[in-house]
Protein backbone atom coordinates (compact mmCIF):
# COMPACT_ATOMS: atom_id res chain seq x y z
CA MET A 1 0.00 0.00 0.00
CA LYS A 2 2.92 2.33 0.81
CA LYS A 3 4.43 1.72 -2.61
CA LEU A 4 1.16 2.61 -4.30
CA LEU A 5 0.94 5.90 -2.36
CA VAL A 6 4.56 6.76 -3.24
CA VAL A 7 3.93 6.02 -6.94
CA LEU A 8 0.74 8.11 -6.92
CA ALA A 9 2.53 11.01 -5.16
CA ILE A 10 5.35 10.96 -7.74
CA LEU A 11 2.83 10.79 -10.59
CA PHE A 12 0.86 13.71 -9.12
CA ILE A 13 4.00 15.86 -8.75
CA GLY A 14 5.04 15.00 -12.32
CA ILE A 15 1.65 16.09 -13.70
CA LEU A 16 1.83 19.35 -11.75
CA LEU A 17 5.31 20.13 -13.07
CA ALA A 18 4.30 19.26 -16.65
CA GLY A 19 1.39 21.70 -16.43
CA CYS A 20 3.66 24.56 -15.34
CA THR A 21 5.45 24.86 -18.68
CA SER A 22 4.67 27.66 -21.09
CA GLN A 23 5.10 28.23 -24.78
CA GLN A 24 6.48 31.35 -26.36
CA ALA A 25 4.08 33.44 -28.40
CA ALA A 26 4.28 33.02 -32.16
CA PRO A 27 6.19 35.85 -33.86
CA VAL A 28 3.99 38.59 -35.34
CA ALA A 29 4.62 39.79 -38.86
CA THR A 30 6.15 43.27 -39.02
CA PRO A 31 4.65 45.48 -41.74
CA VAL A 32 7.04 46.88 -44.36
CA PRO A 33 6.36 50.47 -45.52
CA THR A 34 5.64 50.68 -49.26
CA ALA A 35 4.19 53.18 -51.69
CA VAL A 36 0.91 51.24 -51.77
CA PRO A 37 -1.26 50.64 -48.68
CA THR A 38 0.01 47.82 -46.50
CA ALA A 39 -1.62 45.36 -44.14
CA VAL A 40 -1.05 45.98 -40.41
CA VAL A 41 -1.86 43.47 -37.66
CA THR A 42 -3.46 45.37 -34.75
CA THR A 43 -5.67 44.73 -31.76
CA ALA A 44 -8.68 46.86 -32.71
CA ALA A 45 -11.97 46.25 -30.92
CA PRO A 46 -14.44 44.36 -33.16
CA THR A 47 -17.56 46.02 -34.55
CA VAL A 48 -20.30 44.37 -36.54
CA ILE A 49 -21.64 47.43 -38.33
CA PRO A 50 -19.76 50.14 -40.22
CA THR A 51 -18.56 52.86 -37.91
CA THR A 52 -17.19 56.33 -38.39
CA ALA A 53 -15.40 58.29 -35.76
CA VAL A 54 -15.89 62.04 -35.73
CA PRO A 55 -12.91 63.80 -34.18
CA VAL A 56 -13.66 66.93 -32.17
CA VAL A 57 -11.33 69.83 -32.89
CA ILE A 58 -11.31 72.75 -30.45
CA VAL A 59 -10.10 75.96 -31.99
CA ASN A 60 -9.25 79.05 -29.94
CA MET A 61 -10.79 81.75 -32.08
CA THR A 62 -9.98 85.40 -32.09
CA PRO A 63 -12.22 88.00 -33.73
CA ASN A 64 -12.03 87.87 -37.56
CA ALA A 65 -10.20 84.52 -37.49
CA THR A 66 -11.26 81.71 -39.79
CA PRO A 67 -11.81 78.30 -38.22
CA MET A 68 -9.52 75.42 -39.13
CA PRO A 69 -11.08 72.65 -41.23
CA THR A 70 -12.18 69.51 -39.41
CA PRO A 71 -10.48 66.31 -40.65
CA THR A 72 -12.70 63.93 -42.58
CA PRO A 73 -13.24 60.64 -40.71
CA GLN A 74 -12.12 57.44 -42.41
CA PRO A 75 -15.09 55.03 -42.72
CA SER A 76 -14.43 51.43 -41.79
CA VAL A 77 -16.11 48.03 -41.82
CA THR A 78 -15.09 45.14 -39.53
CA ILE A 79 -15.34 41.50 -40.67
CA THR A 80 -15.19 39.20 -37.62
CA PHE A 81 -14.12 35.54 -37.50
CA ASN A 82 -15.96 33.82 -34.60
CA SER A 83 -15.34 30.61 -32.63
CA ASP A 84 -18.61 29.12 -33.92
CA MET A 85 -17.20 29.10 -37.50
CA THR A 86 -19.24 32.14 -38.60
CA ILE A 87 -18.00 35.30 -40.28
CA MET A 88 -19.92 38.44 -39.39
CA PRO A 89 -21.39 40.43 -41.10
CA GLY A 90 -20.16 38.37 -44.07
CA THR A 91 -17.21 38.24 -46.43
CA THR A 92 -18.54 40.77 -48.96
CA VAL A 93 -18.68 44.41 -47.85
CA TYR A 94 -19.12 47.84 -49.42
CA ILE A 95 -16.96 50.82 -48.49
CA PRO A 96 -16.30 54.24 -50.03
CA VAL A 97 -12.96 55.18 -51.59
CA GLY A 98 -10.41 55.66 -48.79
CA GLY A 99 -12.39 53.34 -46.51
CA LYS A 100 -10.80 50.73 -44.31
CA VAL A 101 -11.66 47.04 -43.86
CA VAL A 102 -10.70 45.40 -40.56
CA TRP A 103 -10.59 41.59 -40.32
CA GLN A 104 -10.89 40.71 -36.59
CA ASN A 105 -10.14 37.20 -35.27
CA ASN A 106 -12.37 36.57 -32.24
CA ASP A 107 -11.82 32.79 -32.47
CA MET A 108 -9.89 31.90 -29.31
CA PHE A 109 -9.13 28.41 -30.63
CA LYS A 110 -7.19 29.07 -33.85
CA PRO A 111 -5.81 31.64 -36.27
CA HIS A 112 -7.73 32.70 -39.36
CA GLY A 113 -6.44 34.38 -42.46
CA ILE A 114 -7.06 35.91 -45.84
CA GLN A 115 -5.35 35.58 -49.20
CA ALA A 116 -5.59 37.59 -52.41
CA ILE A 117 -7.15 35.81 -55.38
CA ASN A 118 -5.56 38.04 -58.02
CA VAL A 119 -2.65 40.45 -58.39
CA GLN A 120 -4.92 43.52 -58.17
CA THR A 121 -6.02 42.51 -54.67
CA GLY A 122 -2.57 41.19 -53.81
CA GLN A 123 -1.11 44.70 -53.88
CA TYR A 124 -3.29 45.58 -50.87
CA PHE A 125 -2.50 42.37 -48.97
CA GLY A 126 1.26 42.48 -49.48
CA GLY A 127 1.30 39.88 -52.27
CA MET A 128 -0.33 36.56 -53.03
CA SER A 129 0.70 34.81 -49.79
CA THR A 130 -1.72 34.02 -46.98
CA ILE A 131 -1.90 36.63 -44.21
CA THR A 132 -2.46 34.87 -40.88
CA ILE A 133 -4.47 36.71 -38.22
CA PRO A 134 -3.67 35.30 -34.76
CA SER A 135 -6.42 34.83 -32.18
CA GLY A 136 -7.45 38.16 -30.65
CA LYS A 137 -5.69 40.22 -33.35
CA SER A 138 -6.88 42.05 -36.44
CA LEU A 139 -5.72 43.12 -39.88
CA GLU A 140 -6.54 46.55 -41.33
CA VAL A 141 -6.41 47.40 -45.05
CA THR A 142 -7.28 50.78 -46.60
CA PHE A 143 -8.62 50.84 -50.17
CA PRO A 144 -7.89 54.20 -51.90
CA VAL A 145 -9.14 53.22 -55.39
CA ALA A 146 -12.69 52.34 -56.50
CA GLY A 147 -13.19 48.76 -57.70
CA ALA A 148 -13.93 45.23 -56.59
CA TYR A 149 -11.24 43.29 -54.70
CA ASP A 150 -11.62 39.50 -54.44
CA TYR A 151 -10.04 37.48 -51.64
CA THR A 152 -10.46 34.13 -49.92
CA THR A 153 -10.54 33.25 -46.23
CA VAL A 154 -8.34 30.41 -45.00
CA PHE A 155 -8.14 28.08 -41.98
CA GLN A 156 -11.87 27.24 -42.00
CA PRO A 157 -14.38 28.35 -42.91
CA GLN A 158 -12.76 28.73 -46.32
CA THR A 159 -14.86 30.94 -48.53
CA THR A 160 -14.44 33.77 -51.02
CA GLY A 161 -15.25 37.38 -50.35
CA LYS A 162 -15.25 40.69 -52.14
CA ILE A 163 -14.49 44.25 -51.05
CA ILE A 164 -16.49 46.63 -53.21
CA VAL A 165 -15.08 50.17 -53.11
CA THR A 166 -17.39 52.90 -54.42
CA LYS A 167 -16.81 56.56 -55.25
C-alpha cells in the first residue's frame, strides 16, 4: 500500500510540473512600408456594423479669425471571424474610396487568415501569400481606389469574399 501511495505522489507531482510549462508566443509579422497601402496586424476592438469616428477639434478663435477645417473621418467596416465558425457580417462588404476594412479574429481556438485571389487585390494584402491573423488580433487594409477586390478566407471556414469600393 505504501508503494502505491509513493507512486501516486510521484505521478501527481510529475503532472503538476508538466502543467507549469509555457510556450512562447508566435512571432507577429512586421509590416514593411511601401508606396501602396500595407496590411497591419493590430488589436482593434471588433464592430459588426460600419462605424465612423468624428474627431472633435477645439479651436481658440480670435475676432475675424477663420476656423480650421475639421479632418474627414475614415469610414471602416469590420469583418469578424468567430469561434462558432461564422464570419460576421459576411465576407462581402461595401466601403467608399479611402475606406478601411478590418478583419478581426475573435476565435480563441485558432488563427484565421485571408489571401488575395488576383494580383490587383494582392497589392493591398502584401502579395499573393496568406496573411495569418492570430487569435485576438486584427488586420486593417485601406482601399484608396474604386473597384472590386476578391479574396479568400483560409483556416476554416474557407470561402471567397469581395471588397467593393465605391466613389
